[in-house]
Each structure stands twice: as structure tokens, then as C-alpha cells.
């Protein structure tokens, strides 16, 4: 029977019945048979594939790194899927925090174990507190979700009373939230009878020798021919500034022994004015050259104060100025 005859017989008949009951039964029977056969084959295949796999016990991978966790699962023919990450100060970053199914569960080989990894404690950067009044430093720590720890005092020739001189942890270090930051603040000028080391860096050695003679101290001068500064300029000292110097102590100064006649070598003048507002600031000046970076100034300066330095043209290509640890200016040496 061709298609045309089939259509005319079942669909083009003038009878009231458009499709015969026999046709419907035949089509329905074939469809049911195909559905049953497909379901049976699918069920049989899945039962064969799944139930032929051995049962294994899920290992405990909590606290393991991703590599070790994956290795432990692969040894029992299990797979791993990362479900997410969570902060947790008690669990090191990059280790498994939770797993599903849990350790000790019995599953079949090929089962996927879902895991959540720890991101460790939430980290923040410590602010630069040096040069700030203690009250301002404490407010800044709170803003960073850090805690002010032990506060110690030390006499200072260069910082006003209550100004932060040093901190631990150091500035711009990544730490966990609520970390305690210890600070040392200025107790003001020392009382009579206590000798403190001034900051002689970038000053002439004659000034240091005069101070040592007045306080009955001896000086040991060491030359540095690779210095960027003109000859006779102090570039380092031991002890550091604001250190109490006991009677009879020996002072060591590193002095530039750069050769060259005065006025014969062209110098680049570095001038910087500290802002008039606010508190003391920690100023750091660095010279960048072919031989690397060299610090040419590092210290606290009052608002409105001025810094004047001289750097030989041959000794640097750029000058960078940092205020409270932040780069505020970069100048080419030309």
C-alpha cells in the first residue's frame, strides 16, 4: 500500500471516524514496546556499569593540600570536585576544609568527593604608623581591623612626645585581621645627663667630631669611595640616631671619600618641602642608578620643614621620594 492509499484510507474517508481504532492500537503498541525495550536496556547497562564497581571507603582528606588530597582519592579510584573556598584562620590556606561524602563513608569507585578549601585568615596590610601621633596611629589601625598592642616609650631628639618612632610588624606587611601591632613612641627630649646619638647622616664629619669632643666620645671614621655624596659627607652611623650613648662609647661613622675637586663635579640638587599640615612625616629619598638603588635620606621631619640634598649627576638616573612609605614623587636626574 502506497502513502497515498494509506492517507486516503485513514484520513480522507468520508466516514465520521478520521483514524481507525485499530491503527491507534497498533501505533500505541509499537511505541510502548520501544519504550519498554529502551528502559530495560538503559537500566541493565547502568546496573552493569555501577554495580560492577567495587565499594571503597572515603579517605579523610581534611587538612590536606590539593595535591595530597587528590592523590589520596585517586588511590581509591575516587574523583574530586572543588565546591568553593572559605576564610578560616585555624586552617592553613590551600588545605581542605570540608568534604562530602565524609571520611569513612562507603561508596563505589568513581564517586565524586566534593571539597571546600580554606583561604586562611583574612589578610590586611599594616599601615605605616611612623611619624603619627599615637591617637592617630590607633585610629588608623582600627580602620585596617588591626589592634594596638604594647606601647613603649623612648627618648628622642627628633620626634615630638607621643609620636610613633617604630612599629612591629613593619609597615606594608601582610598580616591577618586583628593582629596586634606593637609601637614605640617618643617620650620627648632626654633629661640632663643622658647623651643621645644625633642623626648625622648627610652632614659633614666636622659637625660630628665637634659633638663627640663636647661629650667626651671617640670617633672611628670609615671611608666609602663609592658614595653618591661629596667627600666628607656622613652616609651612615653606628649607633643609630636616638640611641642612648653611654660614657666612653665608641662612635663609628661611614664618610664619603668620593674623589674629585670641589666644584669640578656637577651635582643634582634634591629639594623637598614637607606639607605644612598634619604631624611629623617619615621621609625617604632613594637614588636609582645603574649600580642599583641607594638610600640617600631616611628620617622624620616636622610639617613645613625642608630637605636639601646634593647628588652627583654621574651617580643617579632617577630620584624617588617616599612619604610615610608611599611613593609621592619621581624625578629624572637631568
C-alpha atoms as a PDB file:
ATOM      1  CA  UNK A   1       0.000   0.000   0.000  1.00  0.00           C
ATOM      2  CA  UNK A   2       1.439   3.323  -1.025  1.00  0.00           C
ATOM      3  CA  UNK A   3       1.438   6.512   1.035  1.00  0.00           C
ATOM      4  CA  UNK A   4      -1.374   7.981  -0.988  1.00  0.00           C
ATOM      5  CA  UNK A   5      -3.616   4.976  -0.445  1.00  0.00           C
ATOM      6  CA  UNK A   6      -2.706   4.895   3.282  1.00  0.00           C
ATOM      7  CA  UNK A   7      -3.641   8.569   3.651  1.00  0.00           C
ATOM      8  CA  UNK A   8      -6.891   8.240   1.758  1.00  0.00           C
ATOM      9  CA  UNK A   9      -7.912   5.190   3.759  1.00  0.00           C
ATOM     10  CA  UNK A  10      -7.317   6.653   7.228  1.00  0.00           C
ATOM     11  CA  UNK A  11      -7.536  10.423   6.808  1.00  0.00           C
ATOM     12  CA  UNK A  12      -9.605  11.158   3.714  1.00  0.00           C
ATOM     13  CA  UNK A  13     -12.521   8.879   4.384  1.00  0.00           C
ATOM     14  CA  UNK A  14     -15.931  10.461   4.365  1.00  0.00           C
ATOM     15  CA  UNK A  15     -16.804   8.399   7.397  1.00  0.00           C
ATOM     16  CA  UNK A  16     -17.123  10.142  10.764  1.00  0.00           C
ATOM     17  CA  UNK A  17     -14.076   8.249  12.101  1.00  0.00           C
ATOM     18  CA  UNK A  18     -10.905  10.012  10.977  1.00  0.00           C
ATOM     19  CA  UNK A  19      -8.454   7.431  12.423  1.00  0.00           C
ATOM     20  CA  UNK A  20      -9.458   3.830  12.928  1.00  0.00           C
ATOM     21  CA  UNK A  21      -9.154   2.283  16.412  1.00  0.00           C
ATOM     22  CA  UNK A  22      -7.033  -0.499  15.026  1.00  0.00           C
ATOM     23  CA  UNK A  23      -4.443   1.921  13.732  1.00  0.00           C
ATOM     24  CA  UNK A  24      -4.243   3.665  17.094  1.00  0.00           C
ATOM     25  CA  UNK A  25      -3.782   0.369  18.898  1.00  0.00           C
ATOM     26  CA  UNK A  26      -1.059  -0.758  16.534  1.00  0.00           C
ATOM     27  CA  UNK A  27       0.899   2.545  16.818  1.00  0.00           C
ATOM     28  CA  UNK A  28       0.481   2.616  20.600  1.00  0.00           C
ATOM     29  CA  UNK A  29       1.627  -0.956  20.937  1.00  0.00           C
ATOM     30  CA  UNK A  30       4.756  -0.349  18.913  1.00  0.00           C
ATOM     31  CA  UNK A  31       5.576   2.807  20.908  1.00  0.00           C
ATOM     32  CA  UNK A  32       5.076   1.046  24.258  1.00  0.00           C
ATOM     33  CA  UNK A  33       7.283  -1.819  23.147  1.00  0.00           C
ATOM     34  CA  UNK A  34      10.062   0.549  22.090  1.00  0.00           C
ATOM     35  CA  UNK A  35       9.847   2.492  25.383  1.00  0.00           C
ATOM     36  CA  UNK A  36       9.969  -0.684  27.457  1.00  0.00           C
ATOM     37  CA  UNK A  37      12.900  -2.039  25.458  1.00  0.00           C
ATOM     38  CA  UNK A  38      14.826   1.247  25.792  1.00  0.00           C
ATOM     39  CA  UNK A  39      14.182   1.452  29.560  1.00  0.00           C
ATOM     40  CA  UNK A  40      15.229  -2.156  30.043  1.00  0.00           C
ATOM     41  CA  UNK A  41      18.456  -1.709  28.076  1.00  0.00           C
ATOM     42  CA  UNK A  42      19.318   1.538  29.916  1.00  0.00           C
ATOM     43  CA  UNK A  43      18.622   0.030  33.341  1.00  0.00           C
ATOM     44  CA  UNK A  44      20.582  -3.085  32.521  1.00  0.00           C
ATOM     45  CA  UNK A  45      23.540  -1.035  31.268  1.00  0.00           C
ATOM     46  CA  UNK A  46      23.603   1.232  34.331  1.00  0.00           C
ATOM     47  CA  UNK A  47      23.242  -1.677  36.737  1.00  0.00           C
ATOM     48  CA  UNK A  48      26.077  -3.472  34.995  1.00  0.00           C
ATOM     49  CA  UNK A  49      28.387  -0.430  34.957  1.00  0.00           C
ATOM     50  CA  UNK A  50      27.703   0.776  38.503  1.00  0.00           C
ATOM     51  CA  UNK A  51      27.314  -2.443  40.407  1.00  0.00           C
ATOM     52  CA  UNK A  52      30.378  -3.975  38.820  1.00  0.00           C
ATOM     53  CA  UNK A  53      32.460  -1.278  40.579  1.00  0.00           C
ATOM     54  CA  UNK A  54      33.943  -2.174  43.927  1.00  0.00           C
ATOM     55  CA  UNK A  55      32.899  -0.484  47.129  1.00  0.00           C
ATOM     56  CA  UNK A  56      35.578   1.651  48.755  1.00  0.00           C
ATOM     57  CA  UNK A  57      35.882   3.747  51.926  1.00  0.00           C
ATOM     58  CA  UNK A  58      36.236   7.511  51.503  1.00  0.00           C
ATOM     59  CA  UNK A  59      39.588   8.607  52.997  1.00  0.00           C
ATOM     60  CA  UNK A  60      39.938  11.551  55.363  1.00  0.00           C
ATOM     61  CA  UNK A  61      41.398  14.417  53.301  1.00  0.00           C
ATOM     62  CA  UNK A  62      40.626  17.234  55.770  1.00  0.00           C
ATOM     63  CA  UNK A  63      43.671  19.426  56.312  1.00  0.00           C
ATOM     64  CA  UNK A  64      45.470  18.055  53.250  1.00  0.00           C
ATOM     65  CA  UNK A  65      46.748  20.154  50.385  1.00  0.00           C
ATOM     66  CA  UNK A  66      45.055  19.877  46.991  1.00  0.00           C
ATOM     67  CA  UNK A  67      47.847  17.658  45.665  1.00  0.00           C
ATOM     68  CA  UNK A  68      47.827  15.295  48.656  1.00  0.00           C
ATOM     69  CA  UNK A  69      44.021  15.198  48.750  1.00  0.00           C
ATOM     70  CA  UNK A  70      43.806  14.315  45.065  1.00  0.00           C
ATOM     71  CA  UNK A  71      46.456  11.633  45.498  1.00  0.00           C
ATOM     72  CA  UNK A  72      44.600  10.070  48.448  1.00  0.00           C
ATOM     73  CA  UNK A  73      41.338   9.973  46.483  1.00  0.00           C
ATOM     74  CA  UNK A  74      42.931   8.616  43.319  1.00  0.00           C
ATOM     75  CA  UNK A  75      44.396   5.697  45.286  1.00  0.00           C
ATOM     76  CA  UNK A  76      40.805   4.531  45.950  1.00  0.00           C
ATOM     77  CA  UNK A  77      39.605   5.439  42.418  1.00  0.00           C
ATOM     78  CA  UNK A  78      37.598   8.431  43.605  1.00  0.00           C
ATOM     79  CA  UNK A  79      37.367  11.843  41.974  1.00  0.00           C
ATOM     80  CA  UNK A  80      37.439  15.343  43.452  1.00  0.00           C
ATOM     81  CA  UNK A  81      35.397  18.457  42.685  1.00  0.00           C
ATOM     82  CA  UNK A  82      36.089  21.856  44.261  1.00  0.00           C
ATOM     83  CA  UNK A  83      32.860  23.310  45.624  1.00  0.00           C
ATOM     84  CA  UNK A  84      34.315  26.613  46.848  1.00  0.00           C
ATOM     85  CA  UNK A  85      36.654  28.489  49.191  1.00  0.00           C
ATOM     86  CA  UNK A  86      36.149  29.909  52.684  1.00  0.00           C
ATOM     87  CA  UNK A  87      38.217  32.015  55.090  1.00  0.00           C
ATOM     88  CA  UNK A  88      39.328  30.138  58.201  1.00  0.00           C
ATOM     89  CA  UNK A  89      42.164  31.316  60.433  1.00  0.00           C
ATOM     90  CA  UNK A  90      42.564  27.871  62.054  1.00  0.00           C
ATOM     91  CA  UNK A  91      43.173  26.040  58.760  1.00  0.00           C
ATOM     92  CA  UNK A  92      46.177  26.967  56.570  1.00  0.00           C
ATOM     93  CA  UNK A  93      45.458  28.434  53.163  1.00  0.00           C
ATOM     94  CA  UNK A  94      45.159  25.891  50.330  1.00  0.00           C
ATOM     95  CA  UNK A  95      44.107  22.940  52.504  1.00  0.00           C
ATOM     96  CA  UNK A  96      40.824  21.002  52.558  1.00  0.00           C
ATOM     97  CA  UNK A  97      38.307  22.481  54.987  1.00  0.00           C
ATOM     98  CA  UNK A  98      35.335  20.123  54.403  1.00  0.00           C
ATOM     99  CA  UNK A  99      34.439  17.093  52.267  1.00  0.00           C
ATOM    100  CA  UNK A 100      31.226  15.368  51.133  1.00  0.00           C
ATOM    101  CA  UNK A 101      30.829  12.393  51.469  1.00  0.00           C
ATOM    102  CA  UNK A 102      32.559  12.411  54.828  1.00  0.00           C
ATOM    103  CA  UNK A 103      35.570  10.334  55.770  1.00  0.00           C
ATOM    104  CA  UNK A 104      34.688   6.699  56.444  1.00  0.00           C
ATOM    105  CA  UNK A 105      31.651   6.619  54.137  1.00  0.00           C
ATOM    106  CA  UNK A 106      31.271   3.582  51.862  1.00  0.00           C
ATOM    107  CA  UNK A 107      30.837   4.461  48.188  1.00  0.00           C
ATOM    108  CA  UNK A 108      31.553   2.844  44.848  1.00  0.00           C
ATOM    109  CA  UNK A 109      34.619   3.576  42.761  1.00  0.00           C
ATOM    110  CA  UNK A 110      34.304   6.650  40.563  1.00  0.00           C
ATOM    111  CA  UNK A 111      32.318   8.620  43.163  1.00  0.00           C
ATOM    112  CA  UNK A 112      32.964  12.374  43.138  1.00  0.00           C
ATOM    113  CA  UNK A 113      34.018  13.817  46.501  1.00  0.00           C
ATOM    114  CA  UNK A 114      33.096  17.497  46.810  1.00  0.00           C
ATOM    115  CA  UNK A 115      35.548  19.617  48.816  1.00  0.00           C
ATOM    116  CA  UNK A 116      35.816  23.182  50.167  1.00  0.00           C
ATOM    117  CA  UNK A 117      39.298  24.692  50.502  1.00  0.00           C
ATOM    118  CA  UNK A 118      40.484  27.144  53.141  1.00  0.00           C
ATOM    119  CA  UNK A 119      41.687  30.614  52.185  1.00  0.00           C
ATOM    120  CA  UNK A 120      43.304  31.035  55.589  1.00  0.00           C
ATOM    121  CA  UNK A 121      42.661  34.126  57.697  1.00  0.00           C
ATOM    122  CA  UNK A 122      41.574  37.328  56.017  1.00  0.00           C
ATOM    123  CA  UNK A 123      44.726  39.351  55.391  1.00  0.00           C
ATOM    124  CA  UNK A 124      45.321  43.104  55.575  1.00  0.00           C
ATOM    125  CA  UNK A 125      48.396  45.282  55.143  1.00  0.00           C
ATOM    126  CA  UNK A 126      49.878  47.021  58.157  1.00  0.00           C
ATOM    127  CA  UNK A 127      49.799  50.810  57.727  1.00  0.00           C
ATOM    128  CA  UNK A 128      52.847  52.998  58.177  1.00  0.00           C
ATOM    129  CA  UNK A 129      52.457  54.495  61.671  1.00  0.00           C
ATOM    130  CA  UNK A 130      55.901  56.104  61.928  1.00  0.00           C
ATOM    131  CA  UNK A 131      55.651  59.836  62.471  1.00  0.00           C
ATOM    132  CA  UNK A 132      51.985  59.774  63.542  1.00  0.00           C
ATOM    133  CA  UNK A 133      50.697  60.786  66.988  1.00  0.00           C
ATOM    134  CA  UNK A 134      49.705  57.710  68.988  1.00  0.00           C
ATOM    135  CA  UNK A 135      45.992  58.579  68.864  1.00  0.00           C
ATOM    136  CA  UNK A 136      46.035  58.856  65.055  1.00  0.00           C
ATOM    137  CA  UNK A 137      48.006  55.619  64.805  1.00  0.00           C
ATOM    138  CA  UNK A 138      45.403  53.769  66.883  1.00  0.00           C
ATOM    139  CA  UNK A 139      42.542  55.079  64.716  1.00  0.00           C
ATOM    140  CA  UNK A 140      44.376  54.013  61.568  1.00  0.00           C
ATOM    141  CA  UNK A 141      44.873  50.514  62.985  1.00  0.00           C
ATOM    142  CA  UNK A 142      41.169  50.231  63.734  1.00  0.00           C
ATOM    143  CA  UNK A 143      40.339  51.224  60.170  1.00  0.00           C
ATOM    144  CA  UNK A 144      42.513  48.349  58.955  1.00  0.00           C
ATOM    145  CA  UNK A 145      40.894  45.977  61.505  1.00  0.00           C
ATOM    146  CA  UNK A 146      44.121  45.696  63.466  1.00  0.00           C
ATOM    147  CA  UNK A 147      44.715  46.108  67.203  1.00  0.00           C
ATOM    148  CA  UNK A 148      47.134  48.407  69.032  1.00  0.00           C
ATOM    149  CA  UNK A 149      49.415  46.218  71.133  1.00  0.00           C
ATOM    150  CA  UNK A 150      52.115  47.121  73.657  1.00  0.00           C
ATOM    151  CA  UNK A 151      53.174  50.768  73.672  1.00  0.00           C
ATOM    152  CA  UNK A 152      56.710  51.535  74.830  1.00  0.00           C
ATOM    153  CA  UNK A 153      58.435  54.897  75.190  1.00  0.00           C
ATOM    154  CA  UNK A 154      61.870  56.077  74.171  1.00  0.00           C
ATOM    155  CA  UNK A 155      63.576  59.460  74.335  1.00  0.00           C
ATOM    156  CA  UNK A 156      64.057  61.191  71.022  1.00  0.00           C
ATOM    157  CA  UNK A 157      65.943  64.229  69.742  1.00  0.00           C
ATOM    158  CA  UNK A 158      63.935  64.460  66.515  1.00  0.00           C
ATOM    159  CA  UNK A 159      60.350  63.421  67.317  1.00  0.00           C
ATOM    160  CA  UNK A 160      57.775  65.196  69.451  1.00  0.00           C
ATOM    161  CA  UNK A 161      56.450  63.474  72.548  1.00  0.00           C
ATOM    162  CA  UNK A 162      53.776  60.875  71.690  1.00  0.00           C
ATOM    163  CA  UNK A 163      54.949  60.397  68.096  1.00  0.00           C
ATOM    164  CA  UNK A 164      55.395  56.839  66.842  1.00  0.00           C
ATOM    165  CA  UNK A 165      59.093  56.024  66.319  1.00  0.00           C
ATOM    166  CA  UNK A 166      58.871  52.368  65.287  1.00  0.00           C
ATOM    167  CA  UNK A 167      56.385  49.531  64.893  1.00  0.00           C
ATOM    168  CA  UNK A 168      56.244  45.747  64.810  1.00  0.00           C
ATOM    169  CA  UNK A 169      55.113  44.249  62.399  1.00  0.00           C
ATOM    170  CA  UNK A 170      56.763  46.651  59.990  1.00  0.00           C
ATOM    171  CA  UNK A 171      54.736  48.783  57.536  1.00  0.00           C
ATOM    172  CA  UNK A 172      53.062  47.282  54.449  1.00  0.00           C
ATOM    173  CA  UNK A 173      53.363  43.704  55.710  1.00  0.00           C
ATOM    174  CA  UNK A 174      50.507  41.252  55.001  1.00  0.00           C
ATOM    175  CA  UNK A 175      49.004  40.031  58.300  1.00  0.00           C
ATOM    176  CA  UNK A 176      45.729  38.509  59.491  1.00  0.00           C
ATOM    177  CA  UNK A 177      42.928  40.724  60.738  1.00  0.00           C
ATOM    178  CA  UNK A 178      43.006  41.580  64.461  1.00  0.00           C
ATOM    179  CA  UNK A 179      46.796  41.205  64.570  1.00  0.00           C
ATOM    180  CA  UNK A 180      48.359  43.246  67.400  1.00  0.00           C
ATOM    181  CA  UNK A 181      50.836  45.931  66.335  1.00  0.00           C
ATOM    182  CA  UNK A 182      53.444  46.949  68.927  1.00  0.00           C
ATOM    183  CA  UNK A 183      54.714  50.533  68.782  1.00  0.00           C
ATOM    184  CA  UNK A 184      57.416  52.651  70.377  1.00  0.00           C
ATOM    185  CA  UNK A 185      56.594  56.324  70.860  1.00  0.00           C
ATOM    186  CA  UNK A 186      58.704  59.350  71.690  1.00  0.00           C
ATOM    187  CA  UNK A 187      58.995  60.333  75.336  1.00  0.00           C
ATOM    188  CA  UNK A 188      60.379  63.699  74.277  1.00  0.00           C
ATOM    189  CA  UNK A 189      63.856  65.085  74.846  1.00  0.00           C
ATOM    190  CA  UNK A 190      66.099  63.180  77.271  1.00  0.00           C
ATOM    191  CA  UNK A 191      66.734  64.644  80.725  1.00  0.00           C
ATOM    192  CA  UNK A 192      70.065  66.229  81.612  1.00  0.00           C
ATOM    193  CA  UNK A 193      72.909  63.753  81.907  1.00  0.00           C
ATOM    194  CA  UNK A 194      71.669  61.404  79.189  1.00  0.00           C
ATOM    195  CA  UNK A 195      73.579  61.595  75.898  1.00  0.00           C
ATOM    196  CA  UNK A 196      71.693  60.535  72.784  1.00  0.00           C
ATOM    197  CA  UNK A 197      73.075  59.960  69.333  1.00  0.00           C
ATOM    198  CA  UNK A 198      72.015  62.688  66.873  1.00  0.00           C
ATOM    199  CA  UNK A 199      71.247  61.954  63.224  1.00  0.00           C
ATOM    200  CA  UNK A 200      74.478  62.899  61.443  1.00  0.00           C
ATOM    201  CA  UNK A 201      73.614  61.398  58.058  1.00  0.00           C
ATOM    202  CA  UNK A 202      74.066  63.799  55.117  1.00  0.00           C
ATOM    203  CA  UNK A 203      76.004  66.151  57.408  1.00  0.00           C
ATOM    204  CA  UNK A 204      79.713  66.959  57.374  1.00  0.00           C
ATOM    205  CA  UNK A 205      82.092  64.956  59.538  1.00  0.00           C
ATOM    206  CA  UNK A 206      83.373  68.150  61.201  1.00  0.00           C
ATOM    207  CA  UNK A 207      79.992  68.575  62.934  1.00  0.00           C
ATOM    208  CA  UNK A 208      80.143  65.028  64.337  1.00  0.00           C
ATOM    209  CA  UNK A 209      83.694  65.451  65.561  1.00  0.00           C
ATOM    210  CA  UNK A 210      82.761  68.631  67.418  1.00  0.00           C
ATOM    211  CA  UNK A 211      79.787  66.874  69.103  1.00  0.00           C
ATOM    212  CA  UNK A 212      81.960  63.884  70.112  1.00  0.00           C
ATOM    213  CA  UNK A 213      84.582  66.164  71.672  1.00  0.00           C
ATOM    214  CA  UNK A 214      81.932  68.010  73.714  1.00  0.00           C
ATOM    215  CA  UNK A 215      80.588  64.735  75.130  1.00  0.00           C
ATOM    216  CA  UNK A 216      83.951  63.009  75.670  1.00  0.00           C
ATOM    217  CA  UNK A 217      83.369  60.367  72.980  1.00  0.00           C
ATOM    218  CA  UNK A 218      85.748  58.965  70.376  1.00  0.00           C
ATOM    219  CA  UNK A 219      85.012  58.662  66.669  1.00  0.00           C
ATOM    220  CA  UNK A 220      86.047  55.958  64.216  1.00  0.00           C
ATOM    221  CA  UNK A 221      85.742  57.185  60.608  1.00  0.00           C
ATOM    222  CA  UNK A 222      85.458  54.747  57.678  1.00  0.00           C
ATOM    223  CA  UNK A 223      85.628  55.974  54.081  1.00  0.00           C
ATOM    224  CA  UNK A 224      83.346  54.920  51.206  1.00  0.00           C
ATOM    225  CA  UNK A 225      84.685  55.812  47.768  1.00  0.00           C
ATOM    226  CA  UNK A 226      81.503  54.560  46.011  1.00  0.00           C
ATOM    227  CA  UNK A 227      79.233  57.019  47.776  1.00  0.00           C
ATOM    228  CA  UNK A 228      76.998  59.353  45.780  1.00  0.00           C
ATOM    229  CA  UNK A 229      77.675  62.235  48.144  1.00  0.00           C
ATOM    230  CA  UNK A 230      80.527  64.730  48.082  1.00  0.00           C
ATOM    231  CA  UNK A 231      83.643  63.871  50.066  1.00  0.00           C
ATOM    232  CA  UNK A 232      83.388  64.393  53.826  1.00  0.00           C
ATOM    233  CA  UNK A 233      79.612  63.735  53.971  1.00  0.00           C
ATOM    234  CA  UNK A 234      78.459  61.229  56.607  1.00  0.00           C
ATOM    235  CA  UNK A 235      76.389  58.475  54.944  1.00  0.00           C
ATOM    236  CA  UNK A 236      75.964  56.002  57.824  1.00  0.00           C
ATOM    237  CA  UNK A 237      76.464  55.814  61.571  1.00  0.00           C
ATOM    238  CA  UNK A 238      76.609  53.367  64.458  1.00  0.00           C
ATOM    239  CA  UNK A 239      74.800  53.637  66.809  1.00  0.00           C
ATOM    240  CA  UNK A 240      71.666  54.849  65.054  1.00  0.00           C
ATOM    241  CA  UNK A 241      70.130  58.190  65.891  1.00  0.00           C
ATOM    242  CA  UNK A 242      68.101  58.476  69.111  1.00  0.00           C
ATOM    243  CA  UNK A 243      70.165  55.733  70.746  1.00  0.00           C
ATOM    244  CA  UNK A 244      71.436  56.414  74.280  1.00  0.00           C
ATOM    245  CA  UNK A 245      75.231  56.613  74.191  1.00  0.00           C
ATOM    246  CA  UNK A 246      76.982  55.508  77.402  1.00  0.00           C
ATOM    247  CA  UNK A 247      80.098  57.268  78.657  1.00  0.00           C
ATOM    248  CA  UNK A 248      83.239  56.126  76.854  1.00  0.00           C
ATOM    249  CA  UNK A 249      81.319  54.516  73.977  1.00  0.00           C
ATOM    250  CA  UNK A 250      82.924  54.409  70.534  1.00  0.00           C
ATOM    251  CA  UNK A 251      81.084  56.017  67.630  1.00  0.00           C
ATOM    252  CA  UNK A 252      81.573  54.659  64.098  1.00  0.00           C
ATOM    253  CA  UNK A 253      80.805  56.876  61.123  1.00  0.00           C
ATOM    254  CA  UNK A 254      80.925  55.987  57.436  1.00  0.00           C
ATOM    255  CA  UNK A 255      82.033  59.034  55.489  1.00  0.00           C
ATOM    256  CA  UNK A 256      82.012  59.601  51.744  1.00  0.00           C
ATOM    257  CA  UNK A 257      85.520  59.578  50.317  1.00  0.00           C
ATOM    258  CA  UNK A 258      84.343  60.288  46.777  1.00  0.00           C
ATOM    259  CA  UNK A 259      87.226  61.802  44.859  1.00  0.00           C
ATOM    260  CA  UNK A 260      87.031  64.945  42.822  1.00  0.00           C
ATOM    261  CA  UNK A 261      87.851  68.576  43.306  1.00  0.00           C
ATOM    262  CA  UNK A 262      85.241  70.751  44.911  1.00  0.00           C
ATOM    263  CA  UNK A 263      83.085  72.403  42.257  1.00  0.00           C
ATOM    264  CA  UNK A 264      84.575  70.271  39.471  1.00  0.00           C
ATOM    265  CA  UNK A 265      81.754  67.691  39.556  1.00  0.00           C
ATOM    266  CA  UNK A 266      78.253  68.759  38.612  1.00  0.00           C
ATOM    267  CA  UNK A 267      75.644  67.918  41.224  1.00  0.00           C
ATOM    268  CA  UNK A 268      71.894  67.484  41.113  1.00  0.00           C
ATOM    269  CA  UNK A 269      70.057  69.308  43.862  1.00  0.00           C
ATOM    270  CA  UNK A 270      67.193  67.481  45.572  1.00  0.00           C
ATOM    271  CA  UNK A 271      64.807  69.856  47.296  1.00  0.00           C
ATOM    272  CA  UNK A 272      61.616  68.719  49.034  1.00  0.00           C
ATOM    273  CA  UNK A 273      59.262  70.645  51.315  1.00  0.00           C
ATOM    274  CA  UNK A 274      57.159  68.725  53.829  1.00  0.00           C
ATOM    275  CA  UNK A 275      53.480  69.680  53.881  1.00  0.00           C
ATOM    276  CA  UNK A 276      52.551  72.373  56.404  1.00  0.00           C
ATOM    277  CA  UNK A 277      49.565  70.423  57.742  1.00  0.00           C
ATOM    278  CA  UNK A 278      49.414  67.311  59.901  1.00  0.00           C
ATOM    279  CA  UNK A 279      52.046  65.685  62.062  1.00  0.00           C
ATOM    280  CA  UNK A 280      55.645  64.660  61.509  1.00  0.00           C
ATOM    281  CA  UNK A 281      56.247  62.562  58.424  1.00  0.00           C
ATOM    282  CA  UNK A 282      58.665  59.802  57.629  1.00  0.00           C
ATOM    283  CA  UNK A 283      60.625  60.945  54.565  1.00  0.00           C
ATOM    284  CA  UNK A 284      62.752  58.600  52.498  1.00  0.00           C
ATOM    285  CA  UNK A 285      64.730  59.590  49.388  1.00  0.00           C
ATOM    286  CA  UNK A 286      66.200  56.931  47.097  1.00  0.00           C
ATOM    287  CA  UNK A 287      68.554  57.384  44.143  1.00  0.00           C
ATOM    288  CA  UNK A 288      68.196  54.920  41.257  1.00  0.00           C
ATOM    289  CA  UNK A 289      71.242  54.304  39.104  1.00  0.00           C
ATOM    290  CA  UNK A 290      72.984  51.675  37.002  1.00  0.00           C
ATOM    291  CA  UNK A 291      74.633  50.250  40.104  1.00  0.00           C
ATOM    292  CA  UNK A 292      71.259  49.806  41.858  1.00  0.00           C
ATOM    293  CA  UNK A 293      69.158  51.716  44.378  1.00  0.00           C
ATOM    294  CA  UNK A 294      70.767  53.772  47.124  1.00  0.00           C
ATOM    295  CA  UNK A 295      69.053  55.429  50.038  1.00  0.00           C
ATOM    296  CA  UNK A 296      70.260  58.995  50.428  1.00  0.00           C
ATOM    297  CA  UNK A 297      67.875  60.161  53.130  1.00  0.00           C
ATOM    298  CA  UNK A 298      65.690  58.451  55.741  1.00  0.00           C
ATOM    299  CA  UNK A 299      64.182  60.250  58.720  1.00  0.00           C
ATOM    300  CA  UNK A 300      61.306  62.050  60.422  1.00  0.00           C
ATOM    301  CA  UNK A 301      60.654  65.661  59.522  1.00  0.00           C
ATOM    302  CA  UNK A 302      58.307  68.260  61.010  1.00  0.00           C
ATOM    303  CA  UNK A 303      55.487  69.869  58.968  1.00  0.00           C
ATOM    304  CA  UNK A 304      56.832  72.688  56.823  1.00  0.00           C
ATOM    305  CA  UNK A 305      60.460  71.583  57.089  1.00  0.00           C
ATOM    306  CA  UNK A 306      62.726  71.424  54.046  1.00  0.00           C
ATOM    307  CA  UNK A 307      65.109  68.753  52.794  1.00  0.00           C
ATOM    308  CA  UNK A 308      68.072  69.737  50.595  1.00  0.00           C
ATOM    309  CA  UNK A 309      70.443  67.136  49.205  1.00  0.00           C
ATOM    310  CA  UNK A 310      73.154  67.055  46.554  1.00  0.00           C
ATOM    311  CA  UNK A 311      73.662  64.059  44.266  1.00  0.00           C
ATOM    312  CA  UNK A 312      76.349  63.843  41.546  1.00  0.00           C
ATOM    313  CA  UNK A 313      74.866  63.609  38.046  1.00  0.00           C
ATOM    314  CA  UNK A 314      77.016  60.559  37.356  1.00  0.00           C
ATOM    315  CA  UNK A 315      75.675  58.736  40.407  1.00  0.00           C
ATOM    316  CA  UNK A 316      71.934  58.510  39.683  1.00  0.00           C
ATOM    317  CA  UNK A 317      69.346  58.489  36.902  1.00  0.00           C
ATOM    318  CA  UNK A 318      66.175  58.973  38.963  1.00  0.00           C
ATOM    319  CA  UNK A 319      65.217  60.211  42.405  1.00  0.00           C
ATOM    320  CA  UNK A 320      62.231  58.767  44.264  1.00  0.00           C
ATOM    321  CA  UNK A 321      60.669  60.422  47.312  1.00  0.00           C
ATOM    322  CA  UNK A 322      58.560  58.412  49.760  1.00  0.00           C
ATOM    323  CA  UNK A 323      56.346  59.944  52.460  1.00  0.00           C
ATOM    324  CA  UNK A 324      55.178  57.539  55.171  1.00  0.00           C
ATOM    325  CA  UNK A 325      56.082  54.633  52.913  1.00  0.00           C
ATOM    326  CA  UNK A 326      54.134  55.934  49.882  1.00  0.00           C
ATOM    327  CA  UNK A 327      55.882  56.997  46.688  1.00  0.00           C
ATOM    328  CA  UNK A 328      54.826  60.616  46.141  1.00  0.00           C
ATOM    329  CA  UNK A 329      57.296  61.812  43.537  1.00  0.00           C
ATOM    330  CA  UNK A 330      59.815  60.566  40.991  1.00  0.00           C
ATOM    331  CA  UNK A 331      62.254  62.942  39.315  1.00  0.00           C
ATOM    332  CA  UNK A 332      64.683  62.292  36.480  1.00  0.00           C
ATOM    333  CA  UNK A 333      68.262  63.409  37.115  1.00  0.00           C
ATOM    334  CA  UNK A 334      68.993  65.654  34.138  1.00  0.00           C
END
